[in-house]
Amino acid sequence: MTDARIELSVTELYLAVMERDAGRLTEASAHALAAVQRSADRPLGRAQTKAWSARIELARGDARGGLELALAAMADLREHGIDDSEAVVHLALAEALEAAGRGDEAASAAERGVAVLEDCAGRISDPAWRRSFLEAVPEHAALRSIAARLG
């Protein structure tokens, strides 16, 4: 049995990301906000939706709003543990800190995120799959890129 609230939250999140990728940032922001609201009772889902909302607000030029959302996403992640969206939370925080002019903190956040990625990758025995995990997942590649650039 599926949970309609989860389905709606995930649908809103996918729409937000697609609108962002299409350059329709106002629409992306609206869908991201709806995803955050619909995930209010799911802490890990909430961390992911807040992280994506942060990235969208940063794309809209709202560094302060992006940082607030990224910090809230990280707080949710720290309080409730890890899930498959952890990389995007670290990425959003690093991007938001950089946008806020806090370069040293951004570098540290990116380094922490990359350490988590590398730990996960280390558990993948097949070298091709490990490389794909690190390089083909856009958020993973972006996190590694920002860490390299700021480090």
C-alpha atoms as a PDB file:
ATOM      1  CA  MET A   1       0.000   0.000   0.000  1.00  0.00           C
ATOM      2  CA  THR A   2       1.338   3.434  -0.861  1.00  0.00           C
ATOM      3  CA  ASP A   3       1.073   6.621   1.102  1.00  0.00           C
ATOM      4  CA  ALA A   4      -0.540   9.381  -0.959  1.00  0.00           C
ATOM      5  CA  ARG A   5       1.217  12.071   1.091  1.00  0.00           C
ATOM      6  CA  ILE A   6       4.621  10.633   0.178  1.00  0.00           C
ATOM      7  CA  GLU A   7       3.621  10.300  -3.466  1.00  0.00           C
ATOM      8  CA  LEU A   8       2.459  13.924  -3.605  1.00  0.00           C
ATOM      9  CA  SER A   9       5.601  15.195  -1.880  1.00  0.00           C
ATOM     10  CA  VAL A  10       7.872  13.241  -4.229  1.00  0.00           C
ATOM     11  CA  THR A  11       5.846  14.365  -7.256  1.00  0.00           C
ATOM     12  CA  GLU A  12       6.144  18.001  -6.211  1.00  0.00           C
ATOM     13  CA  LEU A  13       9.885  17.538  -5.696  1.00  0.00           C
ATOM     14  CA  TYR A  14      10.371  16.001  -9.151  1.00  0.00           C
ATOM     15  CA  LEU A  15       8.335  18.817 -10.701  1.00  0.00           C
ATOM     16  CA  ALA A  16      10.480  21.361  -8.848  1.00  0.00           C
ATOM     17  CA  VAL A  17      13.705  19.843 -10.152  1.00  0.00           C
ATOM     18  CA  MET A  18      12.358  19.608 -13.713  1.00  0.00           C
ATOM     19  CA  GLU A  19      11.166  23.219 -13.653  1.00  0.00           C
ATOM     20  CA  ARG A  20      14.553  24.310 -12.296  1.00  0.00           C
ATOM     21  CA  ASP A  21      16.368  22.405 -15.013  1.00  0.00           C
ATOM     22  CA  ALA A  22      14.100  24.055 -17.595  1.00  0.00           C
ATOM     23  CA  GLY A  23      14.955  27.505 -16.208  1.00  0.00           C
ATOM     24  CA  ARG A  24      11.468  28.151 -14.824  1.00  0.00           C
ATOM     25  CA  LEU A  25      12.610  29.145 -11.358  1.00  0.00           C
ATOM     26  CA  THR A  26       9.376  30.714 -10.114  1.00  0.00           C
ATOM     27  CA  GLU A  27       7.475  27.523 -10.883  1.00  0.00           C
ATOM     28  CA  ALA A  28      10.313  25.442  -9.433  1.00  0.00           C
ATOM     29  CA  SER A  29      10.174  27.418  -6.199  1.00  0.00           C
ATOM     30  CA  ALA A  30       6.405  26.911  -5.887  1.00  0.00           C
ATOM     31  CA  HIS A  31       6.692  23.151  -6.386  1.00  0.00           C
ATOM     32  CA  ALA A  32       9.628  22.954  -3.960  1.00  0.00           C
ATOM     33  CA  LEU A  33       7.673  24.805  -1.283  1.00  0.00           C
ATOM     34  CA  ALA A  34       4.742  22.426  -1.798  1.00  0.00           C
ATOM     35  CA  ALA A  35       7.125  19.459  -1.476  1.00  0.00           C
ATOM     36  CA  VAL A  36       8.503  20.827   1.804  1.00  0.00           C
ATOM     37  CA  GLN A  37       4.985  21.354   3.158  1.00  0.00           C
ATOM     38  CA  ARG A  38       3.848  17.877   2.085  1.00  0.00           C
ATOM     39  CA  SER A  39       6.893  16.257   3.724  1.00  0.00           C
ATOM     40  CA  ALA A  40       6.408  17.970   7.082  1.00  0.00           C
ATOM     41  CA  ASP A  41       5.726  14.673   8.857  1.00  0.00           C
ATOM     42  CA  ARG A  42       8.602  12.788   7.177  1.00  0.00           C
ATOM     43  CA  PRO A  43      11.913  14.050   8.600  1.00  0.00           C
ATOM     44  CA  LEU A  44      14.227  12.489   6.021  1.00  0.00           C
ATOM     45  CA  GLY A  45      11.991  13.434   3.123  1.00  0.00           C
ATOM     46  CA  ARG A  46      11.821  16.894   4.624  1.00  0.00           C
ATOM     47  CA  ALA A  47      15.621  17.158   4.592  1.00  0.00           C
ATOM     48  CA  GLN A  48      15.710  16.296   0.900  1.00  0.00           C
ATOM     49  CA  THR A  49      12.918  18.689  -0.063  1.00  0.00           C
ATOM     50  CA  LYS A  50      14.486  21.514   1.946  1.00  0.00           C
ATOM     51  CA  ALA A  51      17.853  20.885   0.294  1.00  0.00           C
ATOM     52  CA  TRP A  52      16.353  21.045  -3.197  1.00  0.00           C
ATOM     53  CA  SER A  53      14.368  24.130  -2.191  1.00  0.00           C
ATOM     54  CA  ALA A  54      17.619  25.711  -1.026  1.00  0.00           C
ATOM     55  CA  ARG A  55      19.279  24.976  -4.367  1.00  0.00           C
ATOM     56  CA  ILE A  56      16.324  26.482  -6.219  1.00  0.00           C
ATOM     57  CA  GLU A  57      16.346  29.623  -4.082  1.00  0.00           C
ATOM     58  CA  LEU A  58      20.077  29.969  -4.723  1.00  0.00           C
ATOM     59  CA  ALA A  59      19.400  29.684  -8.467  1.00  0.00           C
ATOM     60  CA  ARG A  60      16.826  32.466  -8.058  1.00  0.00           C
ATOM     61  CA  GLY A  61      19.508  34.638  -6.435  1.00  0.00           C
ATOM     62  CA  ASP A  62      18.187  34.371  -2.879  1.00  0.00           C
ATOM     63  CA  ALA A  63      21.352  33.505  -0.939  1.00  0.00           C
ATOM     64  CA  ARG A  64      19.770  34.203   2.448  1.00  0.00           C
ATOM     65  CA  GLY A  65      16.699  32.068   1.795  1.00  0.00           C
ATOM     66  CA  GLY A  66      18.842  29.333   0.308  1.00  0.00           C
ATOM     67  CA  LEU A  67      21.110  29.299   3.351  1.00  0.00           C
ATOM     68  CA  GLU A  68      18.167  29.136   5.774  1.00  0.00           C
ATOM     69  CA  LEU A  69      16.708  26.161   3.920  1.00  0.00           C
ATOM     70  CA  ALA A  70      20.079  24.413   3.607  1.00  0.00           C
ATOM     71  CA  LEU A  71      20.772  24.816   7.330  1.00  0.00           C
ATOM     72  CA  ALA A  72      17.300  23.474   8.144  1.00  0.00           C
ATOM     73  CA  ALA A  73      17.878  20.510   5.825  1.00  0.00           C
ATOM     74  CA  MET A  74      21.170  19.707   7.531  1.00  0.00           C
ATOM     75  CA  ALA A  75      19.544  20.019  10.962  1.00  0.00           C
ATOM     76  CA  ASP A  76      16.865  17.516   9.897  1.00  0.00           C
ATOM     77  CA  LEU A  77      19.510  15.170   8.529  1.00  0.00           C
ATOM     78  CA  ARG A  78      21.603  15.346  11.703  1.00  0.00           C
ATOM     79  CA  GLU A  79      18.595  14.819  13.938  1.00  0.00           C
ATOM     80  CA  HIS A  80      17.046  11.927  12.037  1.00  0.00           C
ATOM     81  CA  GLY A  81      19.987  10.140  10.428  1.00  0.00           C
ATOM     82  CA  ILE A  82      21.082   9.480   6.905  1.00  0.00           C
ATOM     83  CA  ASP A  83      19.148   8.412   3.846  1.00  0.00           C
ATOM     84  CA  ASP A  84      19.730   8.314   0.126  1.00  0.00           C
ATOM     85  CA  SER A  85      19.427  12.094  -0.164  1.00  0.00           C
ATOM     86  CA  GLU A  86      22.326  12.929   2.108  1.00  0.00           C
ATOM     87  CA  ALA A  87      24.579  14.123  -0.726  1.00  0.00           C
ATOM     88  CA  VAL A  88      22.099  16.752  -1.898  1.00  0.00           C
ATOM     89  CA  VAL A  89      21.846  18.101   1.651  1.00  0.00           C
ATOM     90  CA  HIS A  90      25.640  18.483   1.883  1.00  0.00           C
ATOM     91  CA  LEU A  91      25.713  19.994  -1.617  1.00  0.00           C
ATOM     92  CA  ALA A  92      22.969  22.517  -0.839  1.00  0.00           C
ATOM     93  CA  LEU A  93      24.742  23.589   2.342  1.00  0.00           C
ATOM     94  CA  ALA A  94      28.100  24.009   0.606  1.00  0.00           C
ATOM     95  CA  GLU A  95      26.499  26.000  -2.233  1.00  0.00           C
ATOM     96  CA  ALA A  96      24.512  28.161   0.176  1.00  0.00           C
ATOM     97  CA  LEU A  97      27.501  28.915   2.392  1.00  0.00           C
ATOM     98  CA  GLU A  98      29.530  29.857  -0.667  1.00  0.00           C
ATOM     99  CA  ALA A  99      26.732  32.114  -1.938  1.00  0.00           C
ATOM    100  CA  ALA A 100      26.614  33.770   1.493  1.00  0.00           C
ATOM    101  CA  GLY A 101      30.322  34.585   1.259  1.00  0.00           C
ATOM    102  CA  ARG A 102      31.331  31.993   3.838  1.00  0.00           C
ATOM    103  CA  GLY A 103      33.927  30.212   1.711  1.00  0.00           C
ATOM    104  CA  ASP A 104      35.834  28.421   4.467  1.00  0.00           C
ATOM    105  CA  GLU A 105      32.627  26.985   5.895  1.00  0.00           C
ATOM    106  CA  ALA A 106      31.490  26.038   2.377  1.00  0.00           C
ATOM    107  CA  ALA A 107      34.755  24.171   1.790  1.00  0.00           C
ATOM    108  CA  SER A 108      34.361  22.307   5.086  1.00  0.00           C
ATOM    109  CA  ALA A 109      30.751  21.403   4.296  1.00  0.00           C
ATOM    110  CA  ALA A 110      31.735  20.130   0.860  1.00  0.00           C
ATOM    111  CA  GLU A 111      34.632  18.122   2.302  1.00  0.00           C
ATOM    112  CA  ARG A 112      32.307  16.499   4.862  1.00  0.00           C
ATOM    113  CA  GLY A 113      29.875  15.616   2.089  1.00  0.00           C
ATOM    114  CA  VAL A 114      32.599  14.121  -0.071  1.00  0.00           C
ATOM    115  CA  ALA A 115      33.814  12.051   2.889  1.00  0.00           C
ATOM    116  CA  VAL A 116      30.312  10.611   3.234  1.00  0.00           C
ATOM    117  CA  LEU A 117      30.193   9.882  -0.505  1.00  0.00           C
ATOM    118  CA  GLU A 118      33.574   8.197  -0.447  1.00  0.00           C
ATOM    119  CA  ASP A 119      32.555   6.102   2.538  1.00  0.00           C
ATOM    120  CA  CYS A 120      29.469   4.930   0.658  1.00  0.00           C
ATOM    121  CA  ALA A 121      31.461   4.361  -2.531  1.00  0.00           C
ATOM    122  CA  GLY A 122      33.962   2.288  -0.591  1.00  0.00           C
ATOM    123  CA  ARG A 123      31.226  -0.260   0.079  1.00  0.00           C
ATOM    124  CA  ILE A 124      30.593  -0.755  -3.655  1.00  0.00           C
ATOM    125  CA  SER A 125      32.757  -3.668  -4.755  1.00  0.00           C
ATOM    126  CA  ASP A 126      32.439  -3.269  -8.520  1.00  0.00           C
ATOM    127  CA  PRO A 127      34.826  -0.511  -9.726  1.00  0.00           C
ATOM    128  CA  ALA A 128      32.569   0.537 -12.604  1.00  0.00           C
ATOM    129  CA  TRP A 129      29.557   0.887 -10.337  1.00  0.00           C
ATOM    130  CA  ARG A 130      31.647   2.746  -7.762  1.00  0.00           C
ATOM    131  CA  ARG A 131      32.848   5.185 -10.435  1.00  0.00           C
ATOM    132  CA  SER A 132      29.267   5.590 -11.681  1.00  0.00           C
ATOM    133  CA  PHE A 133      28.073   6.318  -8.140  1.00  0.00           C
ATOM    134  CA  LEU A 134      30.664   9.068  -7.762  1.00  0.00           C
ATOM    135  CA  GLU A 135      30.592  10.545 -11.275  1.00  0.00           C
ATOM    136  CA  ALA A 136      27.245   9.818 -12.949  1.00  0.00           C
ATOM    137  CA  VAL A 137      24.908  10.961 -10.184  1.00  0.00           C
ATOM    138  CA  PRO A 138      24.701  14.721 -10.848  1.00  0.00           C
ATOM    139  CA  GLU A 139      24.537  15.734  -7.181  1.00  0.00           C
ATOM    140  CA  HIS A 140      27.505  13.529  -6.323  1.00  0.00           C
ATOM    141  CA  ALA A 141      29.577  14.951  -9.169  1.00  0.00           C
ATOM    142  CA  ALA A 142      28.588  18.500  -8.218  1.00  0.00           C
ATOM    143  CA  LEU A 143      29.519  17.921  -4.579  1.00  0.00           C
ATOM    144  CA  ARG A 144      32.914  16.559  -5.561  1.00  0.00           C
ATOM    145  CA  SER A 145      33.400  19.484  -7.953  1.00  0.00           C
ATOM    146  CA  ILE A 146      32.610  22.177  -5.386  1.00  0.00           C
ATOM    147  CA  ALA A 147      34.892  20.455  -2.861  1.00  0.00           C
ATOM    148  CA  ALA A 148      37.742  20.393  -5.386  1.00  0.00           C
ATOM    149  CA  ARG A 149      37.154  24.011  -6.357  1.00  0.00           C
ATOM    150  CA  LEU A 150      36.964  25.303  -2.770  1.00  0.00           C
ATOM    151  CA  GLY A 151      39.559  22.953  -1.278  1.00  0.00           C
END
